[in-house]
Amino acid sequence: MRGVVYGRSLDFRPLPPGPDVLSSPLKLSDVDYVQLPQKGWRDHLRLFLQASGLTSIPISVRLRWQAHEVIDWLQSSLLARGRGKRGSITHPVQLMSAIEFLMSLPADLEIERRLLHTLIGRGLIEYRKRISTGRERPMLFAKEATSHFMAGFKEQQLLSKSGSPAEQFQTIQRIYTSYYFFRAYYIFAIISREPPESGGKLFSKFMRACFFMSTIQDDGTIAPKPAYRQLPPKEQVVFLAKRDVALQARLREDDALRTELQNLLRFFRSVRG
C-alpha cells in the first residue's frame, strides 16, 4: 500500500542540501584522457544475435562494454572529452550509479576498475577541495558521514514518540534522508581513500543503517523484518570492507568480529546471482 499519509510516498532519492551543491560543475585538469576501443562490426553482430536469442555473450564481455560506457560518460562529464553523453556534476551523489557499478565489478576487469576508481576518486577529491574553500575550513567525507548518521540515529530513537501518521511519516523521511547521505558520504570516504582516523567504526554504522533502511516501506511505515532485496549487493559490501583501513585493523586483532562479519554477509545477495 503506497501513500497512506495524504497520498504521499517516501522520497528514496533525496536531493543534497543546497549549500553542498557546487555553483559550477566539476572539471578535472590533472587526469589524462584514455582512448577506449570502440565496438567493431563483429561486436555489433554479436549484440544483434544475442538480442535475437541466437547466441549469448559472456558476462565478462558485457561488463567490459558497460564499463567502457561508464568511463566514457565520466570522461565526458569530468574531463569534457570523449564520446559519452556529458553530465553536469555538481554533487557526488550524481556519481552514485558509476560508483555502485565500480564496486560490483569482478577482479578480472582490473584495468577498467582502476580507470573508474581514478576518475571517480579524483572527482571526489576535487569536490572536497572546492567545498572546503567555500566553507573556509577542511571538509572530510567521513566526518560528514558521522554527522548524518547521528542525525538519523537520534531521530530513530524518537520514532516511537511520533504522534499522528503524518508526523511519523515526516520523521521516517528525515531518518531515511540522514541515513541515505550517511551511506553515500561513507562510500565517498572509502573511494577517495581518506585516512582511517577521520571516521571511527563507520562500517558497523553502515551495516546498521542499511538494515534499518531496508525495513522502510514506500508508504513511510516500518516493516517488521528487513526486505533483503533492498540491501546493497554483497559485492559492494565486500568492496567497502576490504578498503576500510580502520575495519581491517580491527579484523586483524578480533577473531569474533571477523566471524560476525562473515555471518552478516550471508544476508546480502550477489548482484549477479
Protein backbone atom coordinates (compact mmCIF):
# COMPACT_ATOMS: atom_id res chain seq x y z
CA MET A 1 0.00 0.00 0.00
CA ARG A 2 1.51 3.30 -1.07
CA GLY A 3 0.99 6.81 0.13
CA VAL A 4 -1.35 6.15 3.04
CA VAL A 5 -0.49 9.52 4.53
CA TYR A 6 -2.30 12.07 2.38
CA GLY A 7 -1.46 10.17 -0.79
CA ARG A 8 2.30 10.55 -0.34
CA SER A 9 5.09 8.05 -0.75
CA LEU A 10 8.61 8.25 0.60
CA ASP A 11 11.33 10.06 -1.36
CA PHE A 12 14.01 7.42 -1.88
CA ARG A 13 16.30 9.76 -3.86
CA PRO A 14 16.51 12.90 -1.71
CA LEU A 15 18.40 15.88 -3.09
CA PRO A 16 21.52 17.13 -1.28
CA PRO A 17 21.23 20.34 0.77
CA GLY A 18 21.70 23.49 -1.27
CA PRO A 19 24.96 24.58 0.45
CA ASP A 20 26.55 21.23 -0.50
CA VAL A 21 25.87 21.72 -4.23
CA LEU A 22 28.63 23.39 -6.26
CA SER A 23 27.77 26.55 -8.17
CA SER A 24 29.52 25.18 -11.27
CA PRO A 25 30.18 21.59 -12.45
CA LEU A 26 33.28 19.62 -11.51
CA LYS A 27 36.11 19.77 -14.06
CA LEU A 28 39.38 17.84 -13.74
CA SER A 29 42.52 19.20 -15.39
CA ASP A 30 45.10 16.79 -13.91
CA VAL A 31 43.70 13.47 -15.20
CA ASP A 32 44.76 12.07 -18.58
CA TYR A 33 42.11 11.18 -21.12
CA VAL A 34 42.08 7.48 -22.08
CA GLN A 35 41.02 6.46 -25.58
CA LEU A 36 38.92 3.31 -25.26
CA PRO A 37 38.42 0.78 -28.08
CA GLN A 38 35.11 1.12 -29.90
CA LYS A 39 32.86 -1.80 -30.78
CA GLY A 40 33.63 -3.25 -34.20
CA TRP A 41 31.15 -4.78 -36.63
CA ARG A 42 31.69 -8.20 -35.10
CA ASP A 43 30.74 -6.84 -31.68
CA HIS A 44 27.57 -5.27 -33.06
CA LEU A 45 26.76 -8.55 -34.80
CA ARG A 46 27.14 -10.43 -31.52
CA LEU A 47 24.81 -7.93 -29.82
CA PHE A 48 22.25 -8.40 -32.60
CA LEU A 49 22.45 -12.18 -32.34
CA GLN A 50 22.07 -12.05 -28.58
CA ALA A 51 19.04 -9.74 -28.86
CA SER A 52 17.56 -12.25 -31.32
CA GLY A 53 18.13 -15.11 -28.90
CA LEU A 54 20.51 -16.88 -31.29
CA THR A 55 23.61 -16.68 -29.09
CA SER A 56 24.83 -15.39 -25.74
CA ILE A 57 27.68 -13.06 -24.84
CA PRO A 58 29.91 -13.96 -21.85
CA ILE A 59 29.17 -11.86 -18.77
CA SER A 60 32.78 -10.59 -18.64
CA VAL A 61 32.46 -9.21 -22.19
CA ARG A 62 29.16 -7.50 -21.44
CA LEU A 63 30.58 -5.99 -18.25
CA ARG A 64 33.64 -4.70 -20.10
CA TRP A 65 31.44 -2.95 -22.66
CA GLN A 66 29.32 -1.49 -19.87
CA ALA A 67 32.46 -0.34 -18.05
CA HIS A 68 33.65 1.43 -21.19
CA GLU A 69 30.30 3.23 -21.46
CA VAL A 70 30.55 4.39 -17.83
CA ILE A 71 34.17 5.51 -18.34
CA ASP A 72 33.16 7.42 -21.47
CA TRP A 73 30.40 9.17 -19.50
CA LEU A 74 32.79 10.06 -16.67
CA GLN A 75 35.44 11.39 -19.04
CA SER A 76 32.89 13.47 -20.95
CA SER A 77 31.43 14.83 -17.70
CA LEU A 78 34.64 15.42 -15.72
CA LEU A 79 37.24 15.98 -18.47
CA ALA A 80 34.96 17.43 -21.17
CA ARG A 81 36.41 14.90 -23.61
CA GLY A 82 35.15 11.68 -25.14
CA ARG A 83 32.16 10.10 -26.83
CA GLY A 84 29.87 9.78 -23.81
CA LYS A 85 26.86 11.91 -23.03
CA ARG A 86 28.05 14.83 -20.92
CA GLY A 87 26.62 15.31 -17.44
CA SER A 88 26.79 18.34 -15.15
CA ILE A 89 28.25 17.05 -11.86
CA THR A 90 27.70 19.49 -9.02
CA HIS A 91 27.46 16.96 -6.16
CA PRO A 92 28.97 13.46 -5.72
CA VAL A 93 25.58 11.76 -5.37
CA GLN A 94 25.30 12.28 -9.15
CA LEU A 95 28.20 9.80 -9.44
CA MET A 96 26.48 7.07 -7.38
CA SER A 97 25.41 4.94 -10.34
CA ALA A 98 29.03 4.87 -11.57
CA ILE A 99 30.29 4.21 -8.02
CA GLU A 100 27.90 1.29 -7.50
CA PHE A 101 28.95 -0.15 -10.86
CA LEU A 102 32.62 0.15 -9.85
CA MET A 103 32.03 -1.58 -6.51
CA SER A 104 30.32 -4.51 -8.24
CA LEU A 105 32.94 -5.15 -10.94
CA PRO A 106 34.76 -8.51 -10.75
CA ALA A 107 38.52 -8.71 -10.26
CA ASP A 108 39.19 -9.87 -13.84
CA LEU A 109 38.26 -6.37 -15.07
CA GLU A 110 41.07 -4.78 -13.09
CA ILE A 111 42.06 -2.31 -15.82
CA GLU A 112 38.52 -0.96 -16.02
CA ARG A 113 38.28 -0.87 -12.22
CA ARG A 114 41.45 1.22 -11.99
CA LEU A 115 40.23 3.68 -14.61
CA LEU A 116 36.87 4.07 -12.92
CA HIS A 117 38.43 4.43 -9.48
CA THR A 118 40.85 7.08 -10.73
CA LEU A 119 38.16 9.20 -12.39
CA ILE A 120 35.67 8.93 -9.53
CA GLY A 121 38.31 9.33 -6.83
CA ARG A 122 39.77 12.45 -8.44
CA GLY A 123 36.26 13.85 -8.88
CA LEU A 124 35.54 13.32 -5.17
CA ILE A 125 38.82 14.93 -4.13
CA GLU A 126 38.15 17.95 -6.36
CA TYR A 127 34.65 18.31 -4.90
CA ARG A 128 36.05 18.10 -1.37
CA LYS A 129 38.65 20.77 -2.18
CA ARG A 130 36.08 23.16 -3.66
CA ILE A 131 33.60 22.71 -0.81
CA SER A 132 36.39 23.23 1.73
CA THR A 133 37.31 26.50 0.01
CA GLY A 134 33.71 27.68 0.12
CA ARG A 135 33.35 26.78 3.80
CA GLU A 136 36.78 28.17 4.65
CA ARG A 137 37.50 25.02 6.66
CA PRO A 138 38.59 21.49 5.69
CA MET A 139 35.82 19.09 4.75
CA LEU A 140 36.14 15.32 5.17
CA PHE A 141 33.60 12.86 3.84
CA ALA A 142 33.95 10.62 6.91
CA LYS A 143 33.06 13.45 9.29
CA GLU A 144 30.11 14.42 7.12
CA ALA A 145 29.01 10.77 7.21
CA THR A 146 29.23 10.67 11.01
CA SER A 147 27.14 13.83 11.29
CA HIS A 148 24.42 12.42 9.03
CA PHE A 149 24.40 9.11 10.90
CA MET A 150 24.00 10.78 14.30
CA ALA A 151 21.12 12.91 12.98
CA GLY A 152 19.33 9.80 11.71
CA PHE A 153 20.07 7.77 14.84
CA LYS A 154 18.68 10.48 17.15
CA GLU A 155 15.50 10.68 15.06
CA GLN A 156 15.22 6.88 15.10
CA GLN A 157 15.33 6.84 18.91
CA LEU A 158 12.40 9.29 18.99
CA LEU A 159 10.36 7.41 16.40
CA SER A 160 8.13 5.67 18.96
CA LYS A 161 7.13 9.08 20.34
CA SER A 162 5.78 10.33 17.00
CA GLY A 163 2.11 11.23 17.24
CA SER A 164 -0.07 11.37 14.13
CA PRO A 165 0.55 9.29 10.98
CA ALA A 166 1.62 12.47 9.17
CA GLU A 167 4.17 13.28 11.88
CA GLN A 168 5.52 9.73 11.81
CA PHE A 169 5.79 9.87 8.02
CA GLN A 170 7.90 13.05 8.22
CA THR A 171 10.11 11.52 10.94
CA ILE A 172 10.77 8.40 8.87
CA GLN A 173 11.55 10.57 5.84
CA ARG A 174 14.12 12.51 7.87
CA ILE A 175 15.66 9.27 9.16
CA TYR A 176 15.86 7.83 5.66
CA THR A 177 17.38 11.04 4.25
CA SER A 178 20.01 11.17 7.00
CA TYR A 179 20.97 7.53 6.53
CA TYR A 180 20.93 7.92 2.74
CA PHE A 181 23.55 10.67 2.88
CA PHE A 182 25.49 8.90 5.66
CA ARG A 183 25.82 5.86 3.41
CA ALA A 184 26.81 7.99 0.42
CA TYR A 185 29.45 10.02 2.30
CA TYR A 186 30.92 6.88 3.86
CA ILE A 187 31.34 5.40 0.39
CA PHE A 188 32.91 8.67 -0.81
CA ALA A 189 35.39 8.50 2.09
CA ILE A 190 36.43 4.97 1.08
CA ILE A 191 36.70 5.72 -2.65
CA SER A 192 38.76 8.88 -2.05
CA ARG A 193 40.98 6.98 0.43
CA GLU A 194 40.57 9.28 3.40
CA PRO A 195 42.75 8.46 6.44
CA PRO A 196 41.16 5.92 8.81
CA GLU A 197 41.28 8.27 11.80
CA SER A 198 38.86 10.63 10.06
CA GLY A 199 35.94 8.32 10.89
CA GLY A 200 35.76 5.61 13.54
CA LYS A 201 33.79 2.36 13.15
CA LEU A 202 31.84 3.70 10.18
CA PHE A 203 31.49 0.24 8.63
CA SER A 204 29.41 -1.04 11.55
CA LYS A 205 27.24 2.09 11.28
CA PHE A 206 26.93 1.42 7.55
CA MET A 207 25.61 -2.08 8.23
CA ARG A 208 23.18 -0.80 10.86
CA ALA A 209 21.86 1.93 8.54
CA CYS A 210 21.49 -0.47 5.60
CA PHE A 211 19.43 -2.95 7.61
CA PHE A 212 17.16 -0.23 9.01
CA MET A 213 16.67 1.40 5.60
CA SER A 214 15.61 -1.98 4.21
CA THR A 215 12.67 -2.01 6.66
CA ILE A 216 11.30 1.34 5.42
CA GLN A 217 8.41 0.87 3.01
CA ASP A 218 7.08 3.09 0.22
CA ASP A 219 4.24 4.41 2.37
CA GLY A 220 6.61 5.57 5.12
CA THR A 221 5.89 2.72 7.53
CA ILE A 222 8.36 0.28 9.09
CA ALA A 223 8.18 -3.41 8.19
CA PRO A 224 8.74 -5.97 10.99
CA LYS A 225 11.62 -7.58 9.04
CA PRO A 226 14.25 -6.27 6.62
CA ALA A 227 13.49 -6.56 2.91
CA TYR A 228 16.68 -8.28 1.88
CA ARG A 229 16.30 -7.25 -1.76
CA GLN A 230 16.63 -3.65 -0.57
CA LEU A 231 20.07 -4.29 0.91
CA PRO A 232 23.13 -3.40 -1.20
CA PRO A 233 24.68 -6.28 -3.17
CA LYS A 234 27.26 -8.42 -1.40
CA GLU A 235 30.00 -7.30 -3.83
CA GLN A 236 29.57 -3.68 -2.74
CA VAL A 237 29.70 -4.55 0.96
CA VAL A 238 32.87 -6.62 0.43
CA PHE A 239 34.40 -3.79 -1.65
CA LEU A 240 33.94 -1.38 1.27
CA ALA A 241 35.06 -3.85 3.93
CA LYS A 242 38.31 -4.59 2.09
CA ARG A 243 39.15 -0.89 1.70
CA ASP A 244 38.09 0.38 5.12
CA VAL A 245 41.51 0.66 6.76
CA ALA A 246 40.08 1.10 10.27
CA LEU A 247 37.91 -2.01 9.87
CA GLN A 248 40.78 -4.09 8.51
CA ALA A 249 42.93 -3.15 11.50
CA ARG A 250 40.18 -4.30 13.87
CA LEU A 251 39.63 -7.55 11.93
CA ARG A 252 43.32 -8.47 12.27
CA GLU A 253 43.03 -8.25 16.06
CA ASP A 254 39.48 -9.52 16.67
CA ASP A 255 38.55 -13.05 15.55
CA ALA A 256 34.99 -12.67 16.91
CA LEU A 257 34.44 -9.57 14.77
CA ARG A 258 35.68 -11.41 11.69
CA THR A 259 33.25 -14.27 12.37
CA GLU A 260 30.40 -11.80 12.93
CA LEU A 261 31.14 -10.09 9.62
CA GLN A 262 31.21 -13.40 7.75
CA ASN A 263 27.84 -14.32 9.26
CA LEU A 264 26.34 -10.95 8.33
CA LEU A 265 27.46 -11.27 4.71
CA ARG A 266 25.13 -14.27 4.34
CA PHE A 267 22.18 -11.85 4.31
CA PHE A 268 23.45 -9.94 1.28
CA ARG A 269 22.63 -11.18 -2.22
CA SER A 270 25.09 -11.21 -5.10
CA VAL A 271 24.50 -8.64 -7.82
CA ARG A 272 24.77 -11.39 -10.45
CA GLY A 273 23.11 -14.29 -8.77
